[in-house]
Amino acid sequence: MVTTICRELKYFVLCEDGPTALEYAVLISGIILICMAMISAFGTAVGNWFTGAAPTVGGLPTTP
């Protein structure tokens, strides 16, 4: 039992799948944080732009 755990631990440390998965997780979390920052910074402005452009292109009626 102990030798199996040691063998699996040694394989995990020597195998490069763990660090690769960690790098992808860090990359994805960075992209998510950037997207959240962009949405919070420009979300209202883009929404107002679409609201103003809807009557021009004949979209659905907007509420005042």
Protein backbone atom coordinates (compact mmCIF):
# COMPACT_ATOMS: atom_id res chain seq x y z
CA MET A 1 0.00 0.00 0.00
CA VAL A 2 2.72 2.48 0.98
CA THR A 3 4.86 1.52 -2.00
CA THR A 4 1.90 2.09 -4.33
CA ILE A 5 1.34 5.55 -2.88
CA CYS A 6 5.05 6.35 -3.18
CA ARG A 7 5.14 5.10 -6.75
CA GLU A 8 2.09 7.17 -7.72
CA LEU A 9 3.51 10.25 -5.97
CA LYS A 10 6.82 9.83 -7.79
CA TYR A 11 4.97 9.45 -11.11
CA PHE A 12 2.93 12.61 -10.41
CA VAL A 13 6.05 14.62 -9.59
CA LEU A 14 7.98 13.40 -12.62
CA CYS A 15 5.06 13.51 -15.04
CA GLU A 16 4.50 16.81 -16.81
CA ASP A 17 0.70 16.54 -16.97
CA GLY A 18 0.21 18.18 -13.57
CA PRO A 19 2.20 21.36 -14.29
CA THR A 20 0.66 21.64 -17.75
CA ALA A 21 -2.84 21.48 -16.30
CA LEU A 22 -1.86 24.09 -13.72
CA GLU A 23 -0.50 26.39 -16.42
CA TYR A 24 -3.75 26.08 -18.37
CA ALA A 25 -5.77 26.79 -15.23
CA VAL A 26 -3.75 29.94 -14.53
CA LEU A 27 -4.11 31.03 -18.16
CA ILE A 28 -7.87 30.49 -18.17
CA SER A 29 -8.30 32.33 -14.86
CA GLY A 30 -6.31 35.26 -16.26
CA ILE A 31 -8.48 35.40 -19.36
CA ILE A 32 -11.63 35.28 -17.23
CA LEU A 33 -10.37 38.13 -15.04
CA ILE A 34 -9.57 40.24 -18.10
CA CYS A 35 -13.02 39.57 -19.57
CA MET A 36 -14.70 40.51 -16.29
CA ALA A 37 -12.70 43.74 -16.12
CA MET A 38 -13.59 44.64 -19.71
CA ILE A 39 -17.27 43.91 -19.18
CA SER A 40 -17.41 46.00 -16.02
CA ALA A 41 -15.50 48.85 -17.68
CA PHE A 42 -17.37 48.98 -20.98
CA GLY A 43 -20.63 47.14 -20.27
CA THR A 44 -22.78 50.18 -19.54
CA ALA A 45 -21.38 52.18 -22.44
CA VAL A 46 -21.97 49.36 -24.92
CA GLY A 47 -25.48 48.80 -23.58
CA ASN A 48 -26.29 52.49 -23.98
CA TRP A 49 -24.88 52.45 -27.50
CA PHE A 50 -27.10 49.51 -28.50
CA THR A 51 -30.11 51.14 -26.86
CA GLY A 52 -29.50 54.30 -28.87
CA ALA A 53 -28.86 52.40 -32.11
CA ALA A 54 -31.95 50.16 -31.89
CA PRO A 55 -34.48 52.75 -33.14
CA THR A 56 -32.15 53.71 -35.99
CA VAL A 57 -32.00 50.17 -37.38
CA GLY A 58 -35.68 49.49 -36.75
CA GLY A 59 -35.23 47.21 -33.77
CA LEU A 60 -37.72 46.52 -31.05
CA PRO A 61 -39.23 49.53 -29.35
CA THR A 62 -37.26 50.65 -26.33
CA THR A 63 -38.73 51.85 -23.07
CA PRO A 64 -37.85 55.39 -22.01
